[in-house]
Amino acid sequence: MPNNTDSILHQHFLNREVVLDLRSMFVCLGTFIGEDHRYLILENADIHDLRDTATTREKYVIDSKTHGVRPNREKVLINSDEVVGISLLDDVIA
């Protein structure tokens, strides 16, 4: 993904809370602050390992929308090759 302020990511997601669905058993929520050719960059991020709980990905995301994101990282870079979906937390249907 190019570092381009005209990109779709910048137009729709910049400085907003997002949900990154990853290929692995992780889901990441946080404020999208940028990207480069390899990484999506989030602040105040919650990286959640779904292997650590009995809850589903969807339930965890809906709970985060309802109760707020619970950050466990100040800033994180997520390899864009691992991302299968990105959405605004506001667009999650509870």
PDB file of N, CA and C in Angstrom:
ATOM      1  N   MET A   1       0.831  -1.172   0.000  1.00  0.00           N
ATOM      2  CA  MET A   1       0.000   0.000   0.000  1.00  0.00           C
ATOM      3  C   MET A   1       0.880   1.241   0.000  1.00  0.00           C
ATOM      4  N   PRO A   2       0.661   2.142  -0.907  1.00  0.00           N
ATOM      5  CA  PRO A   2       1.503   3.320  -0.993  1.00  0.00           C
ATOM      6  C   PRO A   2       1.222   4.294   0.143  1.00  0.00           C
ATOM      7  N   ASN A   3       2.240   5.054   0.476  1.00  0.00           N
ATOM      8  CA  ASN A   3       2.057   6.100   1.470  1.00  0.00           C
ATOM      9  C   ASN A   3       1.548   7.322   0.732  1.00  0.00           C
ATOM     10  N   ASN A   4       0.245   7.398   0.539  1.00  0.00           N
ATOM     11  CA  ASN A   4      -0.359   8.398  -0.314  1.00  0.00           C
ATOM     12  C   ASN A   4      -1.585   8.949   0.398  1.00  0.00           C
ATOM     13  N   THR A   5      -1.593  10.257   0.625  1.00  0.00           N
ATOM     14  CA  THR A   5      -2.711  10.847   1.362  1.00  0.00           C
ATOM     15  C   THR A   5      -4.019  10.756   0.593  1.00  0.00           C
ATOM     16  N   ASP A   6      -3.961  10.394  -0.679  1.00  0.00           N
ATOM     17  CA  ASP A   6      -5.181  10.241  -1.465  1.00  0.00           C
ATOM     18  C   ASP A   6      -5.695   8.808  -1.455  1.00  0.00           C
ATOM     19  N   SER A   7      -5.004   7.907  -0.760  1.00  0.00           N
ATOM     20  CA  SER A   7      -5.430   6.513  -0.756  1.00  0.00           C
ATOM     21  C   SER A   7      -6.781   6.371  -0.061  1.00  0.00           C
ATOM     22  N   ILE A   8      -7.469   5.289  -0.372  1.00  0.00           N
ATOM     23  CA  ILE A   8      -8.762   5.011   0.255  1.00  0.00           C
ATOM     24  C   ILE A   8      -8.612   4.926   1.763  1.00  0.00           C
ATOM     25  N   LEU A   9      -7.527   4.297   2.232  1.00  0.00           N
ATOM     26  CA  LEU A   9      -7.314   4.197   3.679  1.00  0.00           C
ATOM     27  C   LEU A   9      -7.265   5.584   4.310  1.00  0.00           C
ATOM     28  N   HIS A  10      -6.506   6.490   3.714  1.00  0.00           N
ATOM     29  CA  HIS A  10      -6.412   7.826   4.290  1.00  0.00           C
ATOM     30  C   HIS A  10      -7.737   8.586   4.186  1.00  0.00           C
ATOM     31  N   GLN A  11      -8.423   8.441   3.095  1.00  0.00           N
ATOM     32  CA  GLN A  11      -9.686   9.165   2.904  1.00  0.00           C
ATOM     33  C   GLN A  11     -10.757   8.738   3.900  1.00  0.00           C
ATOM     34  N   HIS A  12     -10.840   7.463   4.205  1.00  0.00           N
ATOM     35  CA  HIS A  12     -11.950   6.943   4.995  1.00  0.00           C
ATOM     36  C   HIS A  12     -11.606   6.522   6.421  1.00  0.00           C
ATOM     37  N   PHE A  13     -10.345   6.200   6.664  1.00  0.00           N
ATOM     38  CA  PHE A  13      -9.992   5.592   7.949  1.00  0.00           C
ATOM     39  C   PHE A  13      -9.058   6.422   8.823  1.00  0.00           C
ATOM     40  N   LEU A  14      -8.368   7.409   8.248  1.00  0.00           N
ATOM     41  CA  LEU A  14      -7.360   8.160   8.988  1.00  0.00           C
ATOM     42  C   LEU A  14      -7.928   8.812  10.241  1.00  0.00           C
ATOM     43  N   ASN A  15      -7.244   8.553  11.366  1.00  0.00           N
ATOM     44  CA  ASN A  15      -7.602   9.111  12.683  1.00  0.00           C
ATOM     45  C   ASN A  15      -8.957   8.630  13.196  1.00  0.00           C
ATOM     46  N   ARG A  16      -9.384   7.473  12.723  1.00  0.00           N
ATOM     47  CA  ARG A  16     -10.636   6.879  13.199  1.00  0.00           C
ATOM     48  C   ARG A  16     -10.348   5.494  13.753  1.00  0.00           C
ATOM     49  N   GLU A  17     -11.219   5.034  14.656  1.00  0.00           N
ATOM     50  CA  GLU A  17     -11.054   3.689  15.215  1.00  0.00           C
ATOM     51  C   GLU A  17     -11.440   2.645  14.181  1.00  0.00           C
ATOM     52  N   VAL A  18     -10.555   1.656  14.020  1.00  0.00           N
ATOM     53  CA  VAL A  18     -10.763   0.621  13.019  1.00  0.00           C
ATOM     54  C   VAL A  18     -10.649  -0.762  13.651  1.00  0.00           C
ATOM     55  N   VAL A  19     -11.154  -1.729  12.914  1.00  0.00           N
ATOM     56  CA  VAL A  19     -11.015  -3.145  13.241  1.00  0.00           C
ATOM     57  C   VAL A  19     -10.213  -3.781  12.113  1.00  0.00           C
ATOM     58  N   LEU A  20      -9.114  -4.446  12.464  1.00  0.00           N
ATOM     59  CA  LEU A  20      -8.339  -5.208  11.491  1.00  0.00           C
ATOM     60  C   LEU A  20      -8.575  -6.683  11.763  1.00  0.00           C
ATOM     61  N   ASP A  21      -9.192  -7.361  10.809  1.00  0.00           N
ATOM     62  CA  ASP A  21      -9.337  -8.808  10.893  1.00  0.00           C
ATOM     63  C   ASP A  21      -8.091  -9.393  10.250  1.00  0.00           C
ATOM     64  N   LEU A  22      -7.398 -10.229  11.008  1.00  0.00           N
ATOM     65  CA  LEU A  22      -6.128 -10.789  10.548  1.00  0.00           C
ATOM     66  C   LEU A  22      -6.271 -12.253  10.162  1.00  0.00           C
ATOM     67  N   ARG A  23      -5.371 -12.746   9.336  1.00  0.00           N
ATOM     68  CA  ARG A  23      -5.368 -14.147   8.905  1.00  0.00           C
ATOM     69  C   ARG A  23      -5.254 -15.097  10.096  1.00  0.00           C
ATOM     70  N   SER A  24      -4.531 -14.669  11.087  1.00  0.00           N
ATOM     71  CA  SER A  24      -4.270 -15.498  12.259  1.00  0.00           C
ATOM     72  C   SER A  24      -5.439 -15.405  13.247  1.00  0.00           C
ATOM     73  N   MET A  25      -5.221 -15.944  14.411  1.00  0.00           N
ATOM     74  CA  MET A  25      -6.230 -15.920  15.474  1.00  0.00           C
ATOM     75  C   MET A  25      -6.165 -14.620  16.285  1.00  0.00           C
ATOM     76  N   PHE A  26      -5.775 -13.536  15.619  1.00  0.00           N
ATOM     77  CA  PHE A  26      -5.716 -12.232  16.267  1.00  0.00           C
ATOM     78  C   PHE A  26      -6.691 -11.286  15.598  1.00  0.00           C
ATOM     79  N   VAL A  27      -7.189 -10.348  16.378  1.00  0.00           N
ATOM     80  CA  VAL A  27      -7.952  -9.228  15.857  1.00  0.00           C
ATOM     81  C   VAL A  27      -7.329  -7.991  16.493  1.00  0.00           C
ATOM     82  N   CYS A  28      -7.266  -6.920  15.740  1.00  0.00           N
ATOM     83  CA  CYS A  28      -6.625  -5.706  16.236  1.00  0.00           C
ATOM     84  C   CYS A  28      -7.585  -4.528  16.055  1.00  0.00           C
ATOM     85  N   LEU A  29      -7.741  -3.753  17.127  1.00  0.00           N
ATOM     86  CA  LEU A  29      -8.585  -2.566  17.095  1.00  0.00           C
ATOM     87  C   LEU A  29      -7.747  -1.377  17.540  1.00  0.00           C
ATOM     88  N   GLY A  30      -7.987  -0.228  16.953  1.00  0.00           N
ATOM     89  CA  GLY A  30      -7.249   0.964  17.356  1.00  0.00           C
ATOM     90  C   GLY A  30      -7.498   2.102  16.394  1.00  0.00           C
ATOM     91  N   THR A  31      -6.786   3.189  16.603  1.00  0.00           N
ATOM     92  CA  THR A  31      -6.910   4.375  15.757  1.00  0.00           C
ATOM     93  C   THR A  31      -5.892   4.300  14.626  1.00  0.00           C
ATOM     94  N   PHE A  32      -6.385   4.286  13.400  1.00  0.00           N
ATOM     95  CA  PHE A  32      -5.526   4.223  12.218  1.00  0.00           C
ATOM     96  C   PHE A  32      -4.848   5.571  12.025  1.00  0.00           C
ATOM     97  N   ILE A  33      -3.494   5.580  12.033  1.00  0.00           N
ATOM     98  CA  ILE A  33      -2.779   6.855  11.890  1.00  0.00           C
ATOM     99  C   ILE A  33      -1.892   6.909  10.654  1.00  0.00           C
ATOM    100  N   GLY A  34      -1.779   5.805   9.926  1.00  0.00           N
ATOM    101  CA  GLY A  34      -0.965   5.859   8.717  1.00  0.00           C
ATOM    102  C   GLY A  34      -0.636   4.487   8.180  1.00  0.00           C
ATOM    103  N   GLU A  35       0.166   4.501   7.112  1.00  0.00           N
ATOM    104  CA  GLU A  35       0.554   3.279   6.423  1.00  0.00           C
ATOM    105  C   GLU A  35       1.836   3.540   5.653  1.00  0.00           C
ATOM    106  N   ASP A  36       2.516   2.468   5.312  1.00  0.00           N
ATOM    107  CA  ASP A  36       3.596   2.547   4.344  1.00  0.00           C
ATOM    108  C   ASP A  36       3.460   1.347   3.423  1.00  0.00           C
ATOM    109  N   HIS A  37       4.487   1.028   2.696  1.00  0.00           N
ATOM    110  CA  HIS A  37       4.396  -0.068   1.725  1.00  0.00           C
ATOM    111  C   HIS A  37       4.195  -1.432   2.371  1.00  0.00           C
ATOM    112  N   ARG A  38       4.450  -1.553   3.682  1.00  0.00           N
ATOM    113  CA  ARG A  38       4.357  -2.857   4.332  1.00  0.00           C
ATOM    114  C   ARG A  38       3.411  -2.890   5.527  1.00  0.00           C
ATOM    115  N   TYR A  39       3.227  -1.776   6.223  1.00  0.00           N
ATOM    116  CA  TYR A  39       2.532  -1.782   7.497  1.00  0.00           C
ATOM    117  C   TYR A  39       1.362  -0.807   7.558  1.00  0.00           C
ATOM    118  N   LEU A  40       0.341  -1.204   8.339  1.00  0.00           N
ATOM    119  CA  LEU A  40      -0.701  -0.292   8.777  1.00  0.00           C
ATOM    120  C   LEU A  40      -0.317   0.111  10.196  1.00  0.00           C
ATOM    121  N   ILE A  41      -0.463   1.373  10.529  1.00  0.00           N
ATOM    122  CA  ILE A  41      -0.009   1.872  11.819  1.00  0.00           C
ATOM    123  C   ILE A  41      -1.226   2.304  12.636  1.00  0.00           C
ATOM    124  N   LEU A  42      -1.328   1.736  13.850  1.00  0.00           N
ATOM    125  CA  LEU A  42      -2.425   2.062  14.756  1.00  0.00           C
ATOM    126  C   LEU A  42      -1.870   2.603  16.059  1.00  0.00           C
ATOM    127  N   GLU A  43      -2.608   3.514  16.674  1.00  0.00           N
ATOM    128  CA  GLU A  43      -2.310   3.996  18.017  1.00  0.00           C
ATOM    129  C   GLU A  43      -3.407   3.531  18.951  1.00  0.00           C
ATOM    130  N   ASN A  44      -3.071   3.497  20.245  1.00  0.00           N
ATOM    131  CA  ASN A  44      -4.039   3.067  21.263  1.00  0.00           C
ATOM    132  C   ASN A  44      -4.735   1.794  20.812  1.00  0.00           C
ATOM    133  N   ALA A  45      -3.908   0.814  20.500  1.00  0.00           N
ATOM    134  CA  ALA A  45      -4.392  -0.419  19.881  1.00  0.00           C
ATOM    135  C   ALA A  45      -4.613  -1.535  20.896  1.00  0.00           C
ATOM    136  N   ASP A  46      -5.579  -2.358  20.579  1.00  0.00           N
ATOM    137  CA  ASP A  46      -5.863  -3.578  21.320  1.00  0.00           C
ATOM    138  C   ASP A  46      -5.580  -4.744  20.382  1.00  0.00           C
ATOM    139  N   ILE A  47      -4.491  -5.463  20.653  1.00  0.00           N
ATOM    140  CA  ILE A  47      -4.204  -6.683  19.904  1.00  0.00           C
ATOM    141  C   ILE A  47      -4.725  -7.835  20.750  1.00  0.00           C
ATOM    142  N   HIS A  48      -5.728  -8.521  20.230  1.00  0.00           N
ATOM    143  CA  HIS A  48      -6.382  -9.569  21.013  1.00  0.00           C
ATOM    144  C   HIS A  48      -6.139 -10.929  20.378  1.00  0.00           C
ATOM    145  N   ASP A  49      -5.583 -11.835  21.173  1.00  0.00           N
ATOM    146  CA  ASP A  49      -5.333 -13.208  20.757  1.00  0.00           C
ATOM    147  C   ASP A  49      -6.573 -14.036  21.105  1.00  0.00           C
ATOM    148  N   LEU A  50      -7.279 -14.468  20.085  1.00  0.00           N
ATOM    149  CA  LEU A  50      -8.524 -15.197  20.293  1.00  0.00           C
ATOM    150  C   LEU A  50      -8.314 -16.584  20.888  1.00  0.00           C
ATOM    151  N   ARG A  51      -7.082 -17.060  20.903  1.00  0.00           N
ATOM    152  CA  ARG A  51      -6.789 -18.350  21.532  1.00  0.00           C
ATOM    153  C   ARG A  51      -6.841 -18.253  23.052  1.00  0.00           C
ATOM    154  N   ASP A  52      -6.768 -17.006  23.575  1.00  0.00           N
ATOM    155  CA  ASP A  52      -6.748 -16.798  25.031  1.00  0.00           C
ATOM    156  C   ASP A  52      -8.136 -16.756  25.660  1.00  0.00           C
ATOM    157  N   THR A  53      -9.186 -16.812  24.870  1.00  0.00           N
ATOM    158  CA  THR A  53     -10.534 -16.702  25.406  1.00  0.00           C
ATOM    159  C   THR A  53     -11.508 -17.585  24.644  1.00  0.00           C
ATOM    160  N   ALA A  54     -12.636 -17.811  25.219  1.00  0.00           N
ATOM    161  CA  ALA A  54     -13.668 -18.628  24.570  1.00  0.00           C
ATOM    162  C   ALA A  54     -14.565 -17.790  23.656  1.00  0.00           C
ATOM    163  N   THR A  55     -14.417 -16.483  23.686  1.00  0.00           N
ATOM    164  CA  THR A  55     -15.273 -15.615  22.879  1.00  0.00           C
ATOM    165  C   THR A  55     -14.900 -15.688  21.398  1.00  0.00           C
ATOM    166  N   THR A  56     -15.854 -15.386  20.545  1.00  0.00           N
ATOM    167  CA  THR A  56     -15.609 -15.361  19.107  1.00  0.00           C
ATOM    168  C   THR A  56     -15.059 -13.996  18.713  1.00  0.00           C
ATOM    169  N   ARG A  57     -14.508 -13.934  17.521  1.00  0.00           N
ATOM    170  CA  ARG A  57     -14.006 -12.670  16.968  1.00  0.00           C
ATOM    171  C   ARG A  57     -15.132 -11.632  16.934  1.00  0.00           C
ATOM    172  N   GLU A  58     -16.284 -12.031  16.412  1.00  0.00           N
ATOM    173  CA  GLU A  58     -17.392 -11.083  16.278  1.00  0.00           C
ATOM    174  C   GLU A  58     -17.883 -10.581  17.636  1.00  0.00           C
ATOM    175  N   LYS A  59     -17.999 -11.477  18.596  1.00  0.00           N
ATOM    176  CA  LYS A  59     -18.436 -11.073  19.936  1.00  0.00           C
ATOM    177  C   LYS A  59     -17.444 -10.087  20.552  1.00  0.00           C
ATOM    178  N   TYR A  60     -16.151 -10.359  20.390  1.00  0.00           N
ATOM    179  CA  TYR A  60     -15.136  -9.465  20.943  1.00  0.00           C
ATOM    180  C   TYR A  60     -15.222  -8.080  20.306  1.00  0.00           C
ATOM    181  N   VAL A  61     -15.394  -8.039  18.999  1.00  0.00           N
ATOM    182  CA  VAL A  61     -15.485  -6.755  18.286  1.00  0.00           C
ATOM    183  C   VAL A  61     -16.746  -6.005  18.709  1.00  0.00           C
ATOM    184  N   ILE A  62     -17.872  -6.689  18.802  1.00  0.00           N
ATOM    185  CA  ILE A  62     -19.119  -6.036  19.236  1.00  0.00           C
ATOM    186  C   ILE A  62     -18.979  -5.516  20.662  1.00  0.00           C
ATOM    187  N   ASP A  63     -18.382  -6.289  21.552  1.00  0.00           N
ATOM    188  CA  ASP A  63     -18.143  -5.821  22.925  1.00  0.00           C
ATOM    189  C   ASP A  63     -17.251  -4.585  22.930  1.00  0.00           C
ATOM    190  N   SER A  64     -16.261  -4.542  22.050  1.00  0.00           N
ATOM    191  CA  SER A  64     -15.382  -3.377  21.967  1.00  0.00           C
ATOM    192  C   SER A  64     -16.131  -2.156  21.458  1.00  0.00           C
ATOM    193  N   LYS A  65     -17.062  -2.369  20.549  1.00  0.00           N
ATOM    194  CA  LYS A  65     -17.867  -1.236  20.085  1.00  0.00           C
ATOM    195  C   LYS A  65     -18.753  -0.734  21.223  1.00  0.00           C
ATOM    196  N   THR A  66     -19.342  -1.637  21.965  1.00  0.00           N
ATOM    197  CA  THR A  66     -20.256  -1.284  23.043  1.00  0.00           C
ATOM    198  C   THR A  66     -19.538  -0.616  24.212  1.00  0.00           C
ATOM    199  N   HIS A  67     -18.402  -1.173  24.615  1.00  0.00           N
ATOM    200  CA  HIS A  67     -17.715  -0.727  25.835  1.00  0.00           C
ATOM    201  C   HIS A  67     -16.459   0.087  25.574  1.00  0.00           C
ATOM    202  N   GLY A  68     -16.060   0.202  24.313  1.00  0.00           N
ATOM    203  CA  GLY A  68     -14.850   0.939  23.962  1.00  0.00           C
ATOM    204  C   GLY A  68     -13.654   0.022  23.788  1.00  0.00           C
ATOM    205  N   VAL A  69     -12.708   0.490  22.994  1.00  0.00           N
ATOM    206  CA  VAL A  69     -11.471  -0.261  22.763  1.00  0.00           C
ATOM    207  C   VAL A  69     -10.639  -0.208  24.043  1.00  0.00           C
ATOM    208  N   ARG A  70     -10.074  -1.356  24.403  1.00  0.00           N
ATOM    209  CA  ARG A  70      -9.228  -1.452  25.603  1.00  0.00           C
ATOM    210  C   ARG A  70      -7.779  -1.616  25.145  1.00  0.00           C
ATOM    211  N   PRO A  71      -7.082  -0.487  24.944  1.00  0.00           N
ATOM    212  CA  PRO A  71      -5.723  -0.557  24.381  1.00  0.00           C
ATOM    213  C   PRO A  71      -4.747  -1.316  25.275  1.00  0.00           C
ATOM    214  N   ASN A  72      -3.875  -2.083  24.620  1.00  0.00           N
ATOM    215  CA  ASN A  72      -2.755  -2.709  25.309  1.00  0.00           C
ATOM    216  C   ASN A  72      -1.434  -2.393  24.611  1.00  0.00           C
ATOM    217  N   ARG A  73      -1.489  -1.530  23.604  1.00  0.00           N
ATOM    218  CA  ARG A  73      -0.310  -1.032  22.902  1.00  0.00           C
ATOM    219  C   ARG A  73      -0.510   0.452  22.593  1.00  0.00           C
ATOM    220  N   GLU A  74       0.531   1.266  22.827  1.00  0.00           N
ATOM    221  CA  GLU A  74       0.449   2.681  22.465  1.00  0.00           C
ATOM    222  C   GLU A  74       0.482   2.857  20.949  1.00  0.00           C
ATOM    223  N   LYS A  75       1.360   2.093  20.302  1.00  0.00           N
ATOM    224  CA  LYS A  75       1.471   2.160  18.842  1.00  0.00           C
ATOM    225  C   LYS A  75       1.867   0.777  18.350  1.00  0.00           C
ATOM    226  N   VAL A  76       1.319   0.386  17.208  1.00  0.00           N
ATOM    227  CA  VAL A  76       1.631  -0.926  16.647  1.00  0.00           C
ATOM    228  C   VAL A  76       1.649  -0.831  15.125  1.00  0.00           C
ATOM    229  N   LEU A  77       2.545  -1.583  14.527  1.00  0.00           N
ATOM    230  CA  LEU A  77       2.610  -1.724  13.080  1.00  0.00           C
ATOM    231  C   LEU A  77       2.136  -3.132  12.746  1.00  0.00           C
ATOM    232  N   ILE A  78       1.147  -3.227  11.892  1.00  0.00           N
ATOM    233  CA  ILE A  78       0.585  -4.514  11.483  1.00  0.00           C
ATOM    234  C   ILE A  78       0.955  -4.753  10.018  1.00  0.00           C
ATOM    235  N   ASN A  79       1.586  -5.879   9.748  1.00  0.00           N
ATOM    236  CA  ASN A  79       1.964  -6.220   8.387  1.00  0.00           C
ATOM    237  C   ASN A  79       0.698  -6.308   7.529  1.00  0.00           C
ATOM    238  N   SER A  80       0.644  -5.521   6.478  1.00  0.00           N
ATOM    239  CA  SER A  80      -0.574  -5.469   5.653  1.00  0.00           C
ATOM    240  C   SER A  80      -0.874  -6.806   4.972  1.00  0.00           C
ATOM    241  N   ASP A  81       0.136  -7.664   4.806  1.00  0.00           N
ATOM    242  CA  ASP A  81      -0.107  -8.991   4.223  1.00  0.00           C
ATOM    243  C   ASP A  81      -0.952  -9.870   5.138  1.00  0.00           C
ATOM    244  N   GLU A  82      -1.010  -9.556   6.425  1.00  0.00           N
ATOM    245  CA  GLU A  82      -1.783 -10.338   7.392  1.00  0.00           C
ATOM    246  C   GLU A  82      -3.242  -9.899   7.487  1.00  0.00           C
ATOM    247  N   VAL A  83      -3.562  -8.754   6.902  1.00  0.00           N
ATOM    248  CA  VAL A  83      -4.898  -8.174   7.034  1.00  0.00           C
ATOM    249  C   VAL A  83      -5.828  -8.736   5.962  1.00  0.00           C
ATOM    250  N   VAL A  84      -6.944  -9.309   6.412  1.00  0.00           N
ATOM    251  CA  VAL A  84      -7.951  -9.798   5.459  1.00  0.00           C
ATOM    252  C   VAL A  84      -9.127  -8.839   5.367  1.00  0.00           C
ATOM    253  N   GLY A  85      -9.236  -7.920   6.333  1.00  0.00           N
ATOM    254  CA  GLY A  85     -10.321  -6.946   6.293  1.00  0.00           C
ATOM    255  C   GLY A  85     -10.054  -5.788   7.227  1.00  0.00           C
ATOM    256  N   ILE A  86     -10.517  -4.629   6.821  1.00  0.00           N
ATOM    257  CA  ILE A  86     -10.450  -3.441   7.666  1.00  0.00           C
ATOM    258  C   ILE A  86     -11.814  -2.762   7.607  1.00  0.00           C
ATOM    259  N   SER A  87     -12.295  -2.340   8.763  1.00  0.00           N
ATOM    260  CA  SER A  87     -13.564  -1.619   8.810  1.00  0.00           C
ATOM    261  C   SER A  87     -13.501  -0.598   9.927  1.00  0.00           C
ATOM    262  N   LEU A  88     -14.345   0.394   9.837  1.00  0.00           N
ATOM    263  CA  LEU A  88     -14.477   1.343  10.931  1.00  0.00           C
ATOM    264  C   LEU A  88     -15.206   0.656  12.069  1.00  0.00           C
ATOM    265  N   LEU A  89     -14.774   0.924  13.286  1.00  0.00           N
ATOM    266  CA  LEU A  89     -15.488   0.369  14.436  1.00  0.00           C
ATOM    267  C   LEU A  89     -16.930   0.857  14.428  1.00  0.00           C
ATOM    268  N   ASP A  90     -17.147   2.085  13.961  1.00  0.00           N
ATOM    269  CA  ASP A  90     -18.498   2.632  13.858  1.00  0.00           C
ATOM    270  C   ASP A  90     -19.393   1.834  12.926  1.00  0.00           C
ATOM    271  N   ASP A  91     -18.792   1.112  11.969  1.00  0.00           N
ATOM    272  CA  ASP A  91     -19.576   0.332  10.996  1.00  0.00           C
ATOM    273  C   ASP A  91     -19.923  -1.073  11.475  1.00  0.00           C
ATOM    274  N   VAL A  92     -19.419  -1.447  12.651  1.00  0.00           N
ATOM    275  CA  VAL A  92     -19.758  -2.760  13.209  1.00  0.00           C
ATOM    276  C   VAL A  92     -21.219  -2.766  13.620  1.00  0.00           C
ATOM    277  N   ILE A  93     -21.945  -3.774  13.203  1.00  0.00           N
ATOM    278  CA  ILE A  93     -23.362  -3.905  13.540  1.00  0.00           C
ATOM    279  C   ILE A  93     -23.486  -4.714  14.805  1.00  0.00           C
ATOM    280  N   ALA A  94     -24.005  -4.062  15.834  1.00  0.00           N
ATOM    281  CA  ALA A  94     -24.120  -4.724  17.142  1.00  0.00           C
ATOM    282  C   ALA A  94     -25.461  -5.400  17.281  1.00  0.00           C
TER     283      ALA A  94
END
